[in-house]
Amino acid sequence: MLYHSTNDPSHRVPLKEAILRSLPPDNGLYMPDTLPVLGEDFWKVWRDLSFQEIGYAVAEAFFGEDVPEDALSEIVDGTLEFDAPLVAIGKDNHVLELFHGPTLAFKDFGARFMARLMSWLTRDEDRMLTVLVATSGDTGGAVASAFHNVPGTRVVILYPKGKVSGLQEKQLTTLGGNIEAIEIDGTFDDCQRLVKSAFLDRELSERLNLTSANSINLSRLVPQSFYYIHSAKTLDNPPAFVIPSGNFGNLTAGLLARQLGLPVAKFVAATNINDVVPSYLASGEYQPQPSQSTISNAMDVGAPSNFARMQALFGDSWDEMAAVIDGLAFNDEETRAMIRRTHVESGYAIDPHGAVGLLAAEAWRLAHPGTPTITLETAHPAKFLDVMEQELGTGSVAIPERLAILADREKVAGSMGADESAFKDWLQTR
């Protein structure tokens, strides 16, 4: 299959270039020339399939023309070594727990799949592959874990200084080996801009063999569509998926699942005060803004890169997008109140991002009674211990062992401003 740029459909490349180069030279995003649909044979039996069987069917639909069956099966099985359980916390109110992977965040699905696919694509090469990633919290940790000590790779993680939680930062900065972290004096949007600037410098990108692990890379999104289908199979009626959203990769993955044929009542984009997409869905005017810091830090994005893919999926039609996606935004005070109320009413500890999702799910169900909602819980609450203990009390959230052991490890990170030329100079000297 060939892949084209969202900015220029005539720019078309094979799978290997789309995945390893990550970003087209025109600053668009890669999309498949043909969006696959799973056939009737799949949808007749999908409710009886395992997570791995669903994952393979989806991966084969996107990548089967280029990756042989045995390799693709190995990639999927290596990705899905943990479950994504659906938990009912009230009538028609479900939480999809996506934090059971090694770094306790939904990014583990995409990062593990991407690392394995890239390894297969470069199996006959002896060049070092440099993986660049900008993170507002969980992406960096998942990518670091997925690529740690993978031969022939080095990972450079950029994160905004002072804007990720303490344990998130430890996941980025304590592995060592082939993982290097840099705290940027700026916002996530600055980190994302620096990464994109390196890719758009084609000479630099090709000489250093750069690839991206952000959701601008299509191989991050496809495996995230696995859990939409896996979770919906247990419900009698098509659900509304409520997605806490920052860079909108997770929601785009849901749209890919819908394109494959998954029945969906609605997608609800739930954001904090960084409400660029909900504002667009309400007005039809897309106006990126400087990001603002909140307690749901992974969603502090003012210029979501995957918006270009969302537009492409709807043919640049606001009417068509607004018919499929609703957008709702909430502030920190409302988020804190939902953390407390959810714990009182159901005994469930929801992290700040999931709390934004539950606020949106509650509002959506009030307007659409009888339709079940599935809120994506994107990270374990222990990763945001300060906020959780402020709202629920000390000791209210158990810290999983794989997170607790990071607390005493020494942070090792460089520091840099948000200047593009300085970052590219740094890359060339390393």
Protein backbone atom coordinates (compact mmCIF):
# COMPACT_ATOMS: atom_id res chain seq x y z
CA MET A 1 0.00 0.00 0.00
CA LEU A 2 1.10 3.57 -0.64
CA TYR A 3 0.71 6.46 1.78
CA HIS A 4 0.07 10.09 0.86
CA SER A 5 0.48 13.44 2.58
CA THR A 6 -2.61 15.18 3.93
CA ASN A 7 -1.21 18.38 2.38
CA ASP A 8 -0.45 16.88 -1.04
CA PRO A 9 -2.17 13.65 -2.12
CA SER A 10 0.24 13.39 -5.07
CA HIS A 11 3.14 12.87 -2.63
CA ARG A 12 2.98 9.09 -2.16
CA VAL A 13 5.49 6.76 -0.51
CA PRO A 14 5.67 3.06 0.50
CA LEU A 15 5.10 1.84 4.05
CA LYS A 16 8.76 1.84 5.08
CA GLU A 17 9.27 5.50 4.20
CA ALA A 18 5.96 6.55 5.75
CA ILE A 19 6.84 4.89 9.06
CA LEU A 20 10.56 5.60 9.28
CA ARG A 21 10.48 9.17 7.92
CA SER A 22 7.25 9.82 9.85
CA LEU A 23 6.52 13.27 8.41
CA PRO A 24 6.14 14.27 4.74
CA PRO A 25 8.41 17.09 3.53
CA ASP A 26 5.38 19.39 3.15
CA ASN A 27 4.58 19.17 6.92
CA GLY A 28 1.45 17.14 6.32
CA LEU A 29 0.75 13.73 7.86
CA TYR A 30 0.79 10.35 6.15
CA MET A 31 -2.50 8.57 5.44
CA PRO A 32 -3.14 5.29 3.60
CA ASP A 33 -4.15 5.74 -0.03
CA THR A 34 -7.03 3.37 0.66
CA LEU A 35 -8.72 3.24 4.04
CA PRO A 36 -9.45 -0.42 4.76
CA VAL A 37 -12.77 -1.90 5.81
CA LEU A 38 -13.04 -5.20 7.66
CA GLY A 39 -15.32 -7.59 5.80
CA GLU A 40 -18.61 -9.16 6.75
CA ASP A 41 -16.83 -12.36 7.80
CA PHE A 42 -15.05 -10.43 10.55
CA TRP A 43 -18.14 -8.61 11.84
CA LYS A 44 -20.12 -11.85 12.00
CA VAL A 45 -17.74 -13.25 14.64
CA TRP A 46 -16.01 -10.20 16.17
CA ARG A 47 -17.70 -10.52 19.56
CA ASP A 48 -16.17 -13.98 19.99
CA LEU A 49 -12.62 -13.00 19.03
CA SER A 50 -9.73 -12.54 21.45
CA PHE A 51 -7.89 -9.23 21.82
CA GLN A 52 -5.01 -10.70 19.82
CA GLU A 53 -7.30 -11.94 17.04
CA ILE A 54 -8.91 -8.52 16.74
CA GLY A 55 -5.48 -6.87 16.75
CA TYR A 56 -4.21 -9.10 14.00
CA ALA A 57 -7.27 -8.51 11.80
CA VAL A 58 -6.87 -4.74 12.13
CA ALA A 59 -3.10 -4.79 11.59
CA GLU A 60 -3.47 -7.05 8.57
CA ALA A 61 -6.05 -4.69 7.04
CA PHE A 62 -3.58 -1.80 7.22
CA PHE A 63 -0.19 -3.47 6.82
CA GLY A 64 -0.84 -6.94 5.40
CA GLU A 65 0.21 -5.97 1.89
CA ASP A 66 3.70 -5.12 3.14
CA VAL A 67 4.36 -7.27 6.22
CA PRO A 68 4.12 -11.08 6.01
CA GLU A 69 1.65 -12.94 8.18
CA ASP A 70 4.16 -14.52 10.56
CA ALA A 71 5.96 -11.21 11.22
CA LEU A 72 2.72 -9.30 11.71
CA SER A 73 1.38 -11.94 14.07
CA GLU A 74 4.58 -11.72 16.14
CA ILE A 75 4.34 -7.92 16.24
CA VAL A 76 0.71 -8.03 17.44
CA ASP A 77 1.30 -10.77 20.02
CA GLY A 78 4.31 -8.87 21.40
CA THR A 79 2.22 -5.72 21.66
CA LEU A 80 -0.81 -7.24 23.39
CA GLU A 81 0.84 -8.96 26.34
CA PHE A 82 -1.59 -7.21 28.71
CA ASP A 83 -5.34 -6.60 28.65
CA ALA A 84 -7.53 -3.51 28.44
CA PRO A 85 -10.44 -4.37 30.76
CA LEU A 86 -13.79 -2.60 30.60
CA VAL A 87 -15.08 -1.66 34.06
CA ALA A 88 -18.68 -0.63 34.81
CA ILE A 89 -18.85 2.11 37.44
CA GLY A 90 -22.54 2.96 37.01
CA LYS A 91 -25.54 2.48 34.75
CA ASP A 92 -24.38 2.81 31.13
CA ASN A 93 -21.14 4.27 32.53
CA HIS A 94 -18.00 2.30 31.64
CA VAL A 95 -14.29 2.96 32.00
CA LEU A 96 -11.81 1.35 29.60
CA GLU A 97 -8.61 0.81 31.58
CA LEU A 98 -5.67 1.32 29.24
CA PHE A 99 -2.98 1.47 31.93
CA HIS A 100 -2.06 -2.18 32.42
CA GLY A 101 1.09 -2.05 30.29
CA PRO A 102 4.67 -1.59 31.48
CA THR A 103 4.49 2.22 31.84
CA LEU A 104 0.88 2.33 33.08
CA ALA A 105 -0.46 4.40 30.17
CA PHE A 106 -2.36 3.81 26.93
CA LYS A 107 0.72 4.86 24.97
CA ASP A 108 2.17 1.39 25.66
CA PHE A 109 -0.02 -0.10 22.93
CA GLY A 110 1.23 2.22 20.20
CA ALA A 111 4.84 2.37 21.37
CA ARG A 112 5.28 -1.41 21.58
CA PHE A 113 3.70 -1.99 18.19
CA MET A 114 5.75 0.78 16.60
CA ALA A 115 9.05 -0.46 18.06
CA ARG A 116 8.41 -3.97 16.74
CA LEU A 117 7.29 -2.77 13.31
CA MET A 118 10.31 -0.49 12.96
CA SER A 119 12.60 -3.32 13.99
CA TRP A 120 11.13 -5.49 11.24
CA LEU A 121 11.35 -2.71 8.63
CA THR A 122 15.06 -2.14 9.44
CA ARG A 123 16.00 -5.81 9.91
CA ASP A 124 18.54 -5.76 7.05
CA GLU A 125 20.13 -2.39 7.85
CA ASP A 126 23.16 -1.49 9.94
CA ARG A 127 22.45 2.26 10.35
CA MET A 128 21.61 3.74 13.74
CA LEU A 129 17.95 4.79 13.91
CA THR A 130 17.33 7.95 15.97
CA VAL A 131 13.83 8.14 17.43
CA LEU A 132 12.64 11.65 18.31
CA VAL A 133 9.64 12.13 20.55
CA ALA A 134 7.94 15.12 22.15
CA THR A 135 5.93 14.31 25.24
CA SER A 136 3.47 16.03 27.53
CA GLY A 137 3.73 13.13 29.95
CA ASP A 138 3.03 9.52 29.02
CA THR A 139 4.29 9.22 25.44
CA GLY A 140 7.93 9.61 26.42
CA GLY A 141 7.77 6.95 29.11
CA ALA A 142 6.06 4.44 26.84
CA VAL A 143 8.51 5.04 24.00
CA ALA A 144 11.49 4.86 26.35
CA SER A 145 10.26 1.51 27.69
CA ALA A 146 9.49 0.10 24.24
CA PHE A 147 12.88 1.05 22.74
CA HIS A 148 15.13 0.68 25.80
CA ASN A 149 18.27 -1.24 24.81
CA VAL A 150 16.84 -2.13 21.39
CA PRO A 151 19.97 -2.61 19.24
CA GLY A 152 20.57 -0.04 16.54
CA THR A 153 18.35 2.64 18.07
CA ARG A 154 18.72 5.71 20.20
CA VAL A 155 15.80 7.70 21.60
CA VAL A 156 15.72 11.45 22.25
CA ILE A 157 12.79 12.62 24.38
CA LEU A 158 11.80 16.28 24.63
CA TYR A 159 9.48 17.31 27.46
CA PRO A 160 8.34 20.71 28.83
CA LYS A 161 10.21 21.74 31.96
CA GLY A 162 8.04 21.64 35.07
CA LYS A 163 4.93 20.49 33.21
CA VAL A 164 4.94 16.70 33.74
CA SER A 165 4.29 14.88 36.99
CA GLY A 166 7.21 13.73 39.14
CA LEU A 167 6.76 10.02 38.41
CA GLN A 168 6.18 10.68 34.72
CA GLU A 169 9.49 12.54 34.64
CA LYS A 170 11.27 9.64 36.33
CA GLN A 171 9.99 7.32 33.60
CA LEU A 172 11.63 9.60 31.02
CA THR A 173 14.91 10.31 32.73
CA THR A 174 16.11 7.26 34.65
CA LEU A 175 16.51 4.45 32.12
CA GLY A 176 19.82 5.54 30.63
CA GLY A 177 21.43 3.39 27.95
CA ASN A 178 20.11 4.43 24.56
CA ILE A 179 17.48 6.78 26.07
CA GLU A 180 18.27 10.50 26.35
CA ALA A 181 15.89 13.10 27.80
CA ILE A 182 15.92 16.88 27.38
CA GLU A 183 13.72 19.24 29.35
CA ILE A 184 12.68 22.18 27.18
CA ASP A 185 12.09 25.62 28.64
CA GLY A 186 8.64 25.95 27.06
CA THR A 187 5.41 24.08 26.41
CA PHE A 188 4.57 20.75 24.81
CA ASP A 189 3.75 22.65 21.63
CA ASP A 190 7.34 23.95 21.63
CA CYS A 191 8.64 20.39 22.02
CA GLN A 192 6.45 19.21 19.15
CA ARG A 193 7.61 22.14 16.99
CA LEU A 194 11.27 21.26 17.61
CA VAL A 195 10.71 17.64 16.62
CA LYS A 196 8.88 18.66 13.44
CA SER A 197 11.61 21.15 12.54
CA ALA A 198 14.20 18.35 12.58
CA PHE A 199 12.08 16.19 10.27
CA LEU A 200 11.38 19.04 7.87
CA ASP A 201 15.14 19.55 7.51
CA ARG A 202 15.36 16.68 5.02
CA GLU A 203 19.14 16.66 4.81
CA LEU A 204 19.44 16.43 8.59
CA SER A 205 16.64 13.88 8.85
CA GLU A 206 18.16 11.54 6.28
CA ARG A 207 21.74 11.93 7.50
CA LEU A 208 20.80 11.14 11.12
CA ASN A 209 18.18 8.55 10.08
CA LEU A 210 15.48 10.25 12.15
CA THR A 211 12.08 8.78 12.89
CA SER A 212 9.28 9.96 15.15
CA ALA A 213 7.50 8.13 17.94
CA ASN A 214 4.77 10.73 18.31
CA SER A 215 1.29 10.13 16.99
CA ILE A 216 2.27 11.91 13.80
CA ASN A 217 3.61 8.41 13.04
CA LEU A 218 0.80 6.27 11.62
CA SER A 219 2.16 3.11 13.26
CA ARG A 220 1.29 4.61 16.65
CA LEU A 221 -2.38 5.00 15.75
CA VAL A 222 -3.32 1.68 14.17
CA PRO A 223 -2.74 -0.44 17.32
CA GLN A 224 -4.76 2.03 19.37
CA SER A 225 -7.80 1.13 17.27
CA PHE A 226 -7.53 -2.46 18.59
CA TYR A 227 -8.99 -1.60 21.98
CA TYR A 228 -12.00 0.28 20.60
CA ILE A 229 -13.22 -2.89 18.92
CA HIS A 230 -12.16 -5.10 21.84
CA SER A 231 -14.13 -3.02 24.37
CA ALA A 232 -17.28 -2.52 22.31
CA LYS A 233 -17.77 -6.27 21.70
CA THR A 234 -19.08 -6.80 25.24
CA LEU A 235 -21.94 -4.26 25.00
CA ASP A 236 -25.36 -4.90 23.48
CA ASN A 237 -25.64 -1.46 21.87
CA PRO A 238 -23.11 0.75 20.04
CA PRO A 239 -21.42 2.95 22.65
CA ALA A 240 -20.38 6.57 22.68
CA PHE A 241 -16.61 6.65 23.16
CA VAL A 242 -15.43 9.49 25.37
CA ILE A 243 -11.78 10.31 24.78
CA PRO A 244 -9.69 12.61 27.01
CA SER A 245 -7.85 14.43 24.24
CA GLY A 246 -4.63 16.38 23.78
CA ASN A 247 -2.90 15.71 20.48
CA PHE A 248 -5.98 13.77 19.28
CA GLY A 249 -4.13 10.62 18.24
CA ASN A 250 -6.37 8.46 20.44
CA LEU A 251 -9.54 9.89 18.96
CA THR A 252 -8.15 9.51 15.45
CA ALA A 253 -7.50 5.84 16.21
CA GLY A 254 -11.16 5.53 17.17
CA LEU A 255 -12.14 7.07 13.84
CA LEU A 256 -10.01 4.44 12.10
CA ALA A 257 -11.90 1.73 14.02
CA ARG A 258 -15.17 3.26 12.82
CA GLN A 259 -13.83 3.31 9.28
CA LEU A 260 -13.09 -0.41 9.62
CA GLY A 261 -16.78 -0.93 10.35
CA LEU A 262 -17.14 -0.65 14.14
CA PRO A 263 -20.66 0.58 15.09
CA VAL A 264 -20.25 3.74 17.19
CA ALA A 265 -23.03 5.96 18.55
CA LYS A 266 -20.73 8.99 18.90
CA PHE A 267 -17.24 10.11 19.71
CA VAL A 268 -16.93 12.71 22.44
CA ALA A 269 -13.72 14.74 22.53
CA ALA A 270 -13.17 15.68 26.18
CA THR A 271 -10.58 18.38 26.84
CA ASN A 272 -9.44 20.62 29.63
CA ILE A 273 -9.28 24.40 29.07
CA ASN A 274 -7.11 23.72 26.00
CA ASP A 275 -10.33 23.46 24.01
CA VAL A 276 -9.27 24.15 20.41
CA VAL A 277 -11.16 21.18 18.95
CA PRO A 278 -14.38 21.51 21.03
CA SER A 279 -14.42 25.18 19.98
CA TYR A 280 -14.02 24.15 16.35
CA LEU A 281 -16.82 21.59 16.61
CA ALA A 282 -19.10 24.29 18.03
CA SER A 283 -18.19 27.11 15.63
CA GLY A 284 -16.49 25.69 12.54
CA GLU A 285 -13.48 27.95 13.19
CA TYR A 286 -10.15 26.24 13.90
CA GLN A 287 -7.93 28.55 15.92
CA PRO A 288 -4.84 26.99 17.56
CA GLN A 289 -3.85 28.71 20.79
CA PRO A 290 -0.84 28.70 23.12
CA SER A 291 -1.32 25.79 25.51
CA GLN A 292 -2.19 26.40 29.16
CA SER A 293 -1.02 24.30 32.10
CA THR A 294 -3.56 22.16 33.96
CA ILE A 295 -3.64 19.17 36.32
CA SER A 296 -4.46 16.97 33.28
CA ASN A 297 -1.07 17.81 31.78
CA ALA A 298 -1.02 15.25 28.96
CA MET A 299 -3.90 17.18 27.40
CA ASP A 300 -2.18 20.57 27.52
CA VAL A 301 -1.93 20.94 23.74
CA GLY A 302 -2.89 24.09 21.86
CA ALA A 303 -2.16 22.90 18.31
CA PRO A 304 -3.08 19.19 18.07
CA SER A 305 -1.16 17.63 15.20
CA ASN A 306 -3.70 14.90 14.43
CA PHE A 307 -6.37 17.44 13.60
CA ALA A 308 -5.07 17.26 10.02
CA ARG A 309 -5.88 13.54 9.90
CA MET A 310 -9.33 14.17 11.39
CA GLN A 311 -10.03 16.69 8.63
CA ALA A 312 -8.80 14.26 5.99
CA LEU A 313 -11.09 11.51 7.29
CA PHE A 314 -14.08 13.83 6.89
CA GLY A 315 -13.05 15.39 3.59
CA ASP A 316 -12.42 18.76 5.27
CA SER A 317 -16.14 18.97 6.04
CA TRP A 318 -17.02 20.60 9.37
CA ASP A 319 -20.62 19.37 9.06
CA GLU A 320 -19.54 15.75 8.65
CA MET A 321 -17.06 15.90 11.53
CA ALA A 322 -19.54 17.59 13.86
CA ALA A 323 -22.10 14.89 13.05
CA VAL A 324 -19.75 12.19 14.35
CA ILE A 325 -17.82 14.00 17.13
CA ASP A 326 -19.07 16.14 20.01
CA GLY A 327 -16.64 18.27 22.00
CA LEU A 328 -16.79 19.25 25.67
CA ALA A 329 -14.26 21.10 27.84
CA PHE A 330 -13.84 21.37 31.63
CA ASN A 331 -11.59 23.24 34.04
CA ASP A 332 -9.40 22.02 36.90
CA GLU A 333 -11.98 22.79 39.58
CA GLU A 334 -14.56 20.63 37.83
CA THR A 335 -11.95 17.91 37.29
CA ARG A 336 -11.02 17.80 40.98
CA ALA A 337 -14.67 17.62 41.98
CA MET A 338 -15.23 14.66 39.63
CA ILE A 339 -12.25 12.79 41.12
CA ARG A 340 -13.82 13.15 44.57
CA ARG A 341 -17.37 12.37 43.48
CA THR A 342 -16.42 9.28 41.47
CA HIS A 343 -14.60 7.86 44.49
CA VAL A 344 -17.53 8.52 46.82
CA GLU A 345 -20.17 7.14 44.46
CA SER A 346 -18.37 4.08 43.09
CA GLY A 347 -15.14 3.63 45.07
CA TYR A 348 -13.22 4.09 41.80
CA ALA A 349 -10.04 6.19 41.71
CA ILE A 350 -9.97 8.04 38.40
CA ASP A 351 -6.93 10.04 37.28
CA PRO A 352 -7.30 13.73 36.24
CA HIS A 353 -7.49 12.90 32.51
CA GLY A 354 -10.10 10.22 33.05
CA ALA A 355 -12.02 12.62 35.30
CA VAL A 356 -12.29 15.07 32.40
CA GLY A 357 -13.62 12.15 30.37
CA LEU A 358 -16.19 11.20 33.02
CA LEU A 359 -17.43 14.80 33.14
CA ALA A 360 -18.00 14.69 29.40
CA ALA A 361 -19.59 11.23 29.58
CA GLU A 362 -22.01 12.36 32.27
CA ALA A 363 -23.04 15.43 30.29
CA TRP A 364 -23.43 13.37 27.11
CA ARG A 365 -25.59 10.70 28.75
CA LEU A 366 -27.90 13.38 30.18
CA ALA A 367 -28.57 14.54 26.62
CA HIS A 368 -28.70 10.98 25.23
CA PRO A 369 -30.22 8.69 27.88
CA GLY A 370 -29.99 4.97 27.29
CA THR A 371 -26.77 5.05 25.27
CA PRO A 372 -23.77 3.49 27.05
CA THR A 373 -20.57 5.49 27.28
CA ILE A 374 -17.03 4.12 27.35
CA THR A 375 -14.57 6.59 28.83
CA LEU A 376 -10.95 5.89 28.02
CA GLU A 377 -8.88 5.89 31.23
CA THR A 378 -5.52 6.67 29.71
CA ALA A 379 -3.17 6.45 32.69
CA HIS A 380 -2.94 4.94 36.15
CA PRO A 381 -3.93 7.44 38.87
CA ALA A 382 -0.67 6.77 40.75
CA LYS A 383 1.17 8.71 38.03
CA PHE A 384 -0.56 11.84 39.35
CA LEU A 385 -0.12 11.15 43.03
CA ASP A 386 0.01 14.79 44.17
CA VAL A 387 -3.42 15.55 42.72
CA MET A 388 -4.95 12.25 43.78
CA GLU A 389 -3.81 12.60 47.39
CA GLN A 390 -4.95 16.21 47.52
CA GLU A 391 -8.44 15.08 46.57
CA LEU A 392 -8.72 11.61 48.13
CA GLY A 393 -6.19 11.65 50.95
CA THR A 394 -2.74 10.20 51.58
CA GLY A 395 -2.48 6.53 50.74
CA SER A 396 -5.72 6.56 48.74
CA VAL A 397 -3.99 5.25 45.61
CA ALA A 398 -1.70 2.22 45.67
CA ILE A 399 1.49 2.74 43.68
CA PRO A 400 2.30 -0.24 41.43
CA GLU A 401 5.75 -1.71 42.05
CA ARG A 402 7.05 -0.85 38.57
CA LEU A 403 6.29 2.80 39.29
CA ALA A 404 7.30 2.88 42.94
CA ILE A 405 10.85 1.70 42.19
CA LEU A 406 11.45 4.87 40.14
CA ALA A 407 11.00 7.25 43.06
CA ASP A 408 14.58 6.99 44.32
CA ARG A 409 16.30 6.82 40.96
CA GLU A 410 18.35 9.79 39.87
CA LYS A 411 16.96 12.01 37.14
CA VAL A 412 19.38 12.45 34.22
CA ALA A 413 18.27 15.03 31.67
CA GLY A 414 19.73 17.79 29.57
CA SER A 415 18.13 21.22 29.33
CA MET A 416 17.57 23.53 26.40
CA GLY A 417 15.54 26.48 25.23
CA ALA A 418 12.93 26.24 22.51
CA ASP A 419 15.12 27.43 19.63
CA GLU A 420 14.95 25.22 16.53
CA SER A 421 18.46 25.90 15.26
CA ALA A 422 19.97 25.18 18.68
CA PHE A 423 18.14 21.86 18.86
CA LYS A 424 19.29 20.82 15.39
CA ASP A 425 22.86 21.81 16.25
CA TRP A 426 22.63 19.66 19.38
CA LEU A 427 21.40 16.69 17.35
CA GLN A 428 24.33 16.96 14.97
CA THR A 429 26.90 17.06 17.75
CA ARG A 430 25.61 13.98 19.56
